């Protein structure tokens, strides 16, 4: 069997090796991804995002437990901060969700952001496709961070869950600009803490201010949970299923979601390939080293050197 065939049949070792090669940017991995693509599009992808410390990992852990009780297979991608030393994820999959690590129906993997704080790297997008082709019913993607520039997950997920906690104060206000536009479900975790009612009122008020946006569409529910005690998890999954029904009830709506996802994926893929190729060519050119030496000798500033190199590269590309 070829590697793609092994992955489609659910071979965990083949999946792990391919993910490692994707993360290490091994060129051969791209050919396998091409073979796997026709087998994608079957999994339901749920994104879970929120500020550090809101309990996303515990929430995901409990969601997996409930999905497994329902005999659903699950893939988990935890997008973690990048180690400044190794370039890998600081929080490895071995230190989270221990009780699911031996479950054959669950595949857990940590991915490094590699500078894409809170967002998704091309590697992460590719791994989502791998787990999809592997046959997982659900793929849960937990991302680090939350904010206007860190909401890439919405493009790759069918349902996006925004997690907050009581006492965030002004942080709730900062959600208004970007997150309210992409959140499909809001969860106030650690709801036994003081300030949960205030947080609920703040979120509800912000959503109601944009009431026109939700007319004839999906209005994000606000749920409370205590993930560490497994409280509110069933209700969250129920809302995920309701949103799934809303999304799939209209072929136009589902087609629009697929179009936006494909457009974003292709845009990022092209950008990633161009940047890597052009940057590699520049760095290995004699001109780059020459400019570096001139900067070191104080004969030119780095801004001028950068402008000269990029301008020359652009002119070369046009010719």
Protein backbone atom coordinates (compact mmCIF):
# COMPACT_ATOMS: atom_id res chain seq x y z
CA UNK A 1 0.00 0.00 0.00
CA UNK A 2 1.11 3.53 -0.74
CA UNK A 3 1.32 6.10 2.07
CA UNK A 4 -1.90 7.81 0.97
CA UNK A 5 -3.74 4.46 0.95
CA UNK A 6 -2.47 3.68 4.44
CA UNK A 7 -3.68 7.03 5.73
CA UNK A 8 -7.12 6.64 4.18
CA UNK A 9 -7.37 3.23 5.83
CA UNK A 10 -6.57 4.84 9.20
CA UNK A 11 -2.93 3.85 9.70
CA UNK A 12 -1.89 5.96 12.69
CA UNK A 13 1.85 5.53 12.10
CA UNK A 14 1.57 6.66 8.49
CA UNK A 15 -0.45 9.70 9.61
CA UNK A 16 2.09 10.59 12.30
CA UNK A 17 4.99 10.31 9.85
CA UNK A 18 3.26 12.48 7.26
CA UNK A 19 2.38 15.14 9.84
CA UNK A 20 6.01 15.18 10.97
CA UNK A 21 7.14 15.62 7.36
CA UNK A 22 4.58 18.39 6.83
CA UNK A 23 5.80 20.21 9.93
CA UNK A 24 9.42 19.77 8.82
CA UNK A 25 8.51 20.94 5.30
CA UNK A 26 9.79 17.79 3.62
CA UNK A 27 9.14 18.27 -0.15
CA UNK A 28 7.82 14.72 -0.65
CA UNK A 29 4.91 15.40 1.70
CA UNK A 30 3.30 17.67 -0.89
CA UNK A 31 2.81 14.81 -3.37
CA UNK A 32 1.05 12.74 -0.69
CA UNK A 33 -1.23 15.67 0.19
CA UNK A 34 -2.25 15.87 -3.46
CA UNK A 35 -3.22 12.18 -3.38
CA UNK A 36 -5.18 12.64 -0.17
CA UNK A 37 -7.18 15.70 -1.21
CA UNK A 38 -9.95 13.76 -3.02
CA UNK A 39 -10.70 12.01 0.28
CA UNK A 40 -11.25 15.23 2.24
CA UNK A 41 -14.46 17.12 2.94
CA UNK A 42 -16.17 14.55 5.14
CA UNK A 43 -15.07 15.58 8.66
CA UNK A 44 -16.80 18.30 10.65
CA UNK A 45 -14.25 20.86 11.85
CA UNK A 46 -14.82 22.77 15.09
CA UNK A 47 -12.50 25.61 16.06
CA UNK A 48 -12.04 26.53 19.72
CA UNK A 49 -10.27 29.81 20.43
CA UNK A 50 -9.91 32.25 23.29
CA UNK A 51 -7.36 34.08 25.39
CA UNK A 52 -4.73 32.06 27.26
CA UNK A 53 -6.01 30.71 30.57
CA UNK A 54 -9.70 30.42 29.73
CA UNK A 55 -9.60 26.62 29.87
CA UNK A 56 -9.74 25.72 26.19
CA UNK A 57 -7.79 22.48 26.59
CA UNK A 58 -10.01 21.25 29.43
CA UNK A 59 -13.06 22.12 27.37
CA UNK A 60 -11.72 20.20 24.37
CA UNK A 61 -10.84 17.25 26.61
CA UNK A 62 -14.43 17.01 27.88
CA UNK A 63 -15.91 17.48 24.41
CA UNK A 64 -13.83 14.54 23.17
CA UNK A 65 -15.08 12.38 26.03
CA UNK A 66 -18.70 13.09 25.06
CA UNK A 67 -18.08 12.53 21.35
CA UNK A 68 -16.40 9.20 22.07
CA UNK A 69 -19.39 8.12 24.15
CA UNK A 70 -21.44 8.79 21.02
CA UNK A 71 -19.04 6.53 19.07
CA UNK A 72 -17.61 9.42 17.05
CA UNK A 73 -13.94 9.41 16.05
CA UNK A 74 -12.03 12.60 16.79
CA UNK A 75 -8.90 14.34 15.60
CA UNK A 76 -7.43 17.05 17.86
CA UNK A 77 -5.03 19.75 16.74
CA UNK A 78 -3.68 21.98 19.49
CA UNK A 79 -1.99 25.01 17.94
CA UNK A 80 0.58 26.05 20.54
CA UNK A 81 3.21 28.80 20.86
CA UNK A 82 6.51 28.08 19.16
CA UNK A 83 9.59 27.24 21.18
CA UNK A 84 12.31 29.86 20.49
CA UNK A 85 14.93 27.11 20.76
CA UNK A 86 13.61 24.08 18.88
CA UNK A 87 10.96 25.73 16.72
CA UNK A 88 8.45 23.15 17.95
CA UNK A 89 5.30 23.48 20.03
CA UNK A 90 6.00 24.39 23.65
CA UNK A 91 3.01 22.40 24.89
CA UNK A 92 3.41 18.90 23.47
CA UNK A 93 0.52 16.52 22.95
CA UNK A 94 1.95 14.23 25.67
CA UNK A 95 1.13 16.71 28.43
CA UNK A 96 -2.47 17.31 27.50
CA UNK A 97 -5.54 15.08 27.27
CA UNK A 98 -3.73 12.08 28.73
CA UNK A 99 -6.83 9.97 29.15
CA UNK A 100 -7.47 9.94 25.39
CA UNK A 101 -3.90 9.17 24.33
CA UNK A 102 -4.47 5.41 24.22
CA UNK A 103 -7.86 5.62 22.54
CA UNK A 104 -7.64 4.37 18.95
CA UNK A 105 -10.59 6.56 18.01
CA UNK A 106 -8.72 9.73 18.98
CA UNK A 107 -5.67 11.27 17.31
CA UNK A 108 -3.95 14.13 19.17
CA UNK A 109 -1.30 16.41 17.75
CA UNK A 110 0.26 19.70 18.82
CA UNK A 111 1.33 22.12 16.10
CA UNK A 112 3.63 25.10 16.51
CA UNK A 113 2.38 28.52 15.45
CA UNK A 114 5.86 29.37 14.09
CA UNK A 115 5.16 33.08 14.45
CA UNK A 116 1.52 32.93 13.36
CA UNK A 117 0.27 33.88 16.82
CA UNK A 118 -3.23 32.47 17.22
CA UNK A 119 -3.54 31.93 13.51
CA UNK A 120 -3.14 28.86 11.38
CA UNK A 121 0.03 28.04 9.52
CA UNK A 122 -0.12 26.27 6.18
CA UNK A 123 1.13 23.17 8.01
CA UNK A 124 -1.91 23.21 10.30
CA UNK A 125 -4.30 23.56 7.36
CA UNK A 126 -2.64 20.60 5.66
CA UNK A 127 -2.86 18.48 8.82
CA UNK A 128 -6.60 19.19 9.01
CA UNK A 129 -6.85 17.66 5.52
CA UNK A 130 -4.80 14.65 6.63
CA UNK A 131 -7.07 13.93 9.61
CA UNK A 132 -10.08 14.45 7.35
CA UNK A 133 -8.77 11.93 4.82
CA UNK A 134 -7.95 9.59 7.71
CA UNK A 135 -11.67 9.33 8.35
CA UNK A 136 -12.19 11.28 11.56
CA UNK A 137 -15.80 12.31 12.17
CA UNK A 138 -14.83 15.46 14.05
CA UNK A 139 -11.67 17.56 14.03
CA UNK A 140 -11.27 19.92 16.98
CA UNK A 141 -8.73 22.70 16.41
CA UNK A 142 -7.69 24.62 19.50
CA UNK A 143 -5.83 27.85 18.76
CA UNK A 144 -3.85 30.10 21.06
CA UNK A 145 -4.78 33.75 21.39
CA UNK A 146 -7.80 35.73 20.34
CA UNK A 147 -8.15 39.04 18.53
CA UNK A 148 -8.68 40.83 15.25
CA UNK A 149 -5.58 39.34 13.65
CA UNK A 150 -5.85 35.87 15.16
CA UNK A 151 -9.11 34.52 13.77
CA UNK A 152 -7.87 32.38 10.90
CA UNK A 153 -9.62 29.37 12.39
CA UNK A 154 -12.98 30.67 11.21
CA UNK A 155 -11.93 30.07 7.61
CA UNK A 156 -11.06 26.43 8.24
CA UNK A 157 -13.76 25.48 10.76
CA UNK A 158 -17.43 24.83 10.14
CA UNK A 159 -18.27 25.98 13.68
CA UNK A 160 -16.15 28.41 15.72
CA UNK A 161 -16.42 28.48 19.52
CA UNK A 162 -15.15 31.54 21.38
CA UNK A 163 -14.25 30.83 25.02
CA UNK A 164 -14.12 33.58 27.66
CA UNK A 165 -14.09 33.61 31.47
CA UNK A 166 -15.64 35.90 34.09
CA UNK A 167 -13.60 38.88 35.14
CA UNK A 168 -12.07 39.61 31.76
CA UNK A 169 -13.44 43.15 32.06
CA UNK A 170 -12.20 45.35 29.24
CA UNK A 171 -11.06 42.26 27.33
CA UNK A 172 -14.71 41.55 26.53
CA UNK A 173 -14.97 44.98 24.93
CA UNK A 174 -12.04 44.20 22.65
CA UNK A 175 -13.93 41.23 21.28
CA UNK A 176 -16.50 43.43 19.62
CA UNK A 177 -14.46 44.50 16.62
CA UNK A 178 -13.54 41.14 15.19
CA UNK A 179 -14.50 38.12 17.26
CA UNK A 180 -18.23 38.83 17.46
CA UNK A 181 -18.30 38.68 13.68
CA UNK A 182 -16.84 35.19 13.51
CA UNK A 183 -17.98 33.44 16.69
CA UNK A 184 -20.77 30.91 16.12
CA UNK A 185 -21.01 29.90 19.78
CA UNK A 186 -19.81 31.77 22.88
CA UNK A 187 -18.88 29.87 26.02
CA UNK A 188 -18.29 31.45 29.42
CA UNK A 189 -16.07 28.85 31.06
CA UNK A 190 -15.30 28.77 34.80
CA UNK A 191 -18.82 30.13 35.24
CA UNK A 192 -18.71 29.50 39.00
CA UNK A 193 -16.44 32.51 39.37
CA UNK A 194 -17.64 35.95 40.40
CA UNK A 195 -18.60 38.14 37.49
CA UNK A 196 -20.14 35.42 35.28
CA UNK A 197 -23.49 37.21 35.15
CA UNK A 198 -21.79 40.48 34.16
CA UNK A 199 -19.83 38.74 31.42
CA UNK A 200 -23.03 37.15 30.15
CA UNK A 201 -24.77 40.53 30.07
CA UNK A 202 -21.83 42.16 28.26
CA UNK A 203 -21.76 39.50 25.55
CA UNK A 204 -25.52 39.48 25.17
CA UNK A 205 -25.58 43.26 24.89
CA UNK A 206 -22.93 43.27 22.16
CA UNK A 207 -24.74 40.61 20.14
CA UNK A 208 -28.09 42.40 20.47
CA UNK A 209 -26.48 45.65 19.29
CA UNK A 210 -25.83 43.87 15.99
CA UNK A 211 -29.31 42.31 15.82
CA UNK A 212 -29.80 43.15 12.15
CA UNK A 213 -26.81 41.02 11.21
CA UNK A 214 -28.50 37.90 12.59
CA UNK A 215 -31.89 38.46 10.97
CA UNK A 216 -32.88 35.30 9.07
CA UNK A 217 -29.57 33.77 10.08
CA UNK A 218 -27.67 32.18 12.93
CA UNK A 219 -27.64 34.13 16.18
CA UNK A 220 -24.71 32.99 18.36
CA UNK A 221 -25.88 31.42 21.63
CA UNK A 222 -24.07 32.24 24.87
CA UNK A 223 -23.50 29.24 27.09
CA UNK A 224 -21.98 28.81 30.54
CA UNK A 225 -19.74 25.92 31.49
CA UNK A 226 -17.45 24.54 34.14
CA UNK A 227 -15.31 22.31 31.97
CA UNK A 228 -13.22 20.93 34.82
CA UNK A 229 -16.44 19.52 36.34
CA UNK A 230 -17.93 18.46 32.98
CA UNK A 231 -20.77 20.95 33.35
CA UNK A 232 -22.28 22.51 30.25
CA UNK A 233 -20.34 20.34 27.77
CA UNK A 234 -23.39 18.43 26.53
CA UNK A 235 -25.15 21.74 25.86
CA UNK A 236 -22.16 23.03 23.89
CA UNK A 237 -22.15 19.96 21.65
CA UNK A 238 -25.91 20.29 21.18
CA UNK A 239 -25.38 23.84 19.90
CA UNK A 240 -22.60 22.61 17.61
CA UNK A 241 -25.09 20.15 16.09
CA UNK A 242 -27.69 22.90 15.74
CA UNK A 243 -25.18 25.09 13.94
CA UNK A 244 -24.22 22.16 11.74
CA UNK A 245 -27.89 21.74 10.85
CA UNK A 246 -28.16 25.45 10.08
CA UNK A 247 -25.07 25.33 7.87
CA UNK A 248 -26.12 22.24 5.93
CA UNK A 249 -29.80 23.13 5.60
CA UNK A 250 -28.99 25.51 2.75
CA UNK A 251 -26.92 24.40 -0.22
CA UNK A 252 -26.16 28.07 -0.96
CA UNK A 253 -24.92 28.66 2.58
CA UNK A 254 -22.79 25.52 2.55
CA UNK A 255 -21.40 26.37 -0.88
CA UNK A 256 -20.50 29.89 0.28
CA UNK A 257 -18.67 28.49 3.32
CA UNK A 258 -16.74 26.05 1.13
CA UNK A 259 -15.87 28.82 -1.33
CA UNK A 260 -14.54 31.11 1.41
CA UNK A 261 -12.50 28.27 2.95
CA UNK A 262 -11.05 27.23 -0.41
CA UNK A 263 -10.27 30.83 -1.31
CA UNK A 264 -8.47 31.43 1.98
CA UNK A 265 -6.57 28.13 1.76
CA UNK A 266 -5.43 28.76 -1.80
CA UNK A 267 -4.45 32.37 -1.03
CA UNK A 268 -2.36 31.32 1.97
CA UNK A 269 -0.84 28.41 0.05
CA UNK A 270 0.26 30.65 -2.82
CA UNK A 271 1.57 33.32 -0.43
CA UNK A 272 3.49 30.73 1.59
CA UNK A 273 5.09 29.17 -1.50
CA UNK A 274 6.03 32.51 -3.05
CA UNK A 275 7.56 33.84 0.16
CA UNK A 276 9.58 30.69 0.78
CA UNK A 277 10.80 30.42 -2.81
CA UNK A 278 11.68 34.09 -3.28
CA UNK A 279 13.27 34.43 0.16
CA UNK A 280 15.34 31.30 -0.39
CA UNK A 281 16.57 32.65 -3.75
CA UNK A 282 17.48 36.01 -2.24
CA UNK A 283 19.30 34.61 0.79
CA UNK A 284 21.40 32.29 -1.35
CA UNK A 285 22.28 35.03 -3.81
CA UNK A 286 25.62 36.80 -3.70
CA UNK A 287 23.84 40.12 -3.52
CA UNK A 288 22.34 39.27 -0.12
CA UNK A 289 25.74 38.52 1.40
CA UNK A 290 27.18 41.64 -0.22
CA UNK A 291 24.43 43.80 1.27
CA UNK A 292 24.99 42.16 4.65
CA UNK A 293 28.68 43.04 4.59
CA UNK A 294 27.93 46.67 3.59
CA UNK A 295 25.54 46.97 6.54
CA UNK A 296 28.15 45.51 8.89
CA UNK A 297 30.72 48.08 7.64
CA UNK A 298 28.26 50.92 8.08
CA UNK A 299 28.26 51.78 4.38
CA UNK A 300 24.53 51.27 3.95
CA UNK A 301 21.51 51.05 6.25
CA UNK A 302 19.37 47.87 6.30
CA UNK A 303 16.30 49.72 5.03
CA UNK A 304 18.04 50.85 1.85
CA UNK A 305 19.57 47.41 1.40
CA UNK A 306 16.16 45.80 1.76
CA UNK A 307 14.54 48.21 -0.71
CA UNK A 308 17.29 47.64 -3.28
CA UNK A 309 17.12 43.84 -3.06
CA UNK A 310 13.32 43.67 -3.20
CA UNK A 311 13.11 46.19 -6.05
CA UNK A 312 15.65 44.21 -8.06
CA UNK A 313 13.78 40.97 -7.36
CA UNK A 314 10.48 42.50 -8.48
CA UNK A 315 12.01 43.84 -11.68
CA UNK A 316 13.61 40.46 -12.32
CA UNK A 317 10.26 38.75 -11.83
CA UNK A 318 8.55 41.04 -14.34
CA UNK A 319 11.18 40.39 -16.97
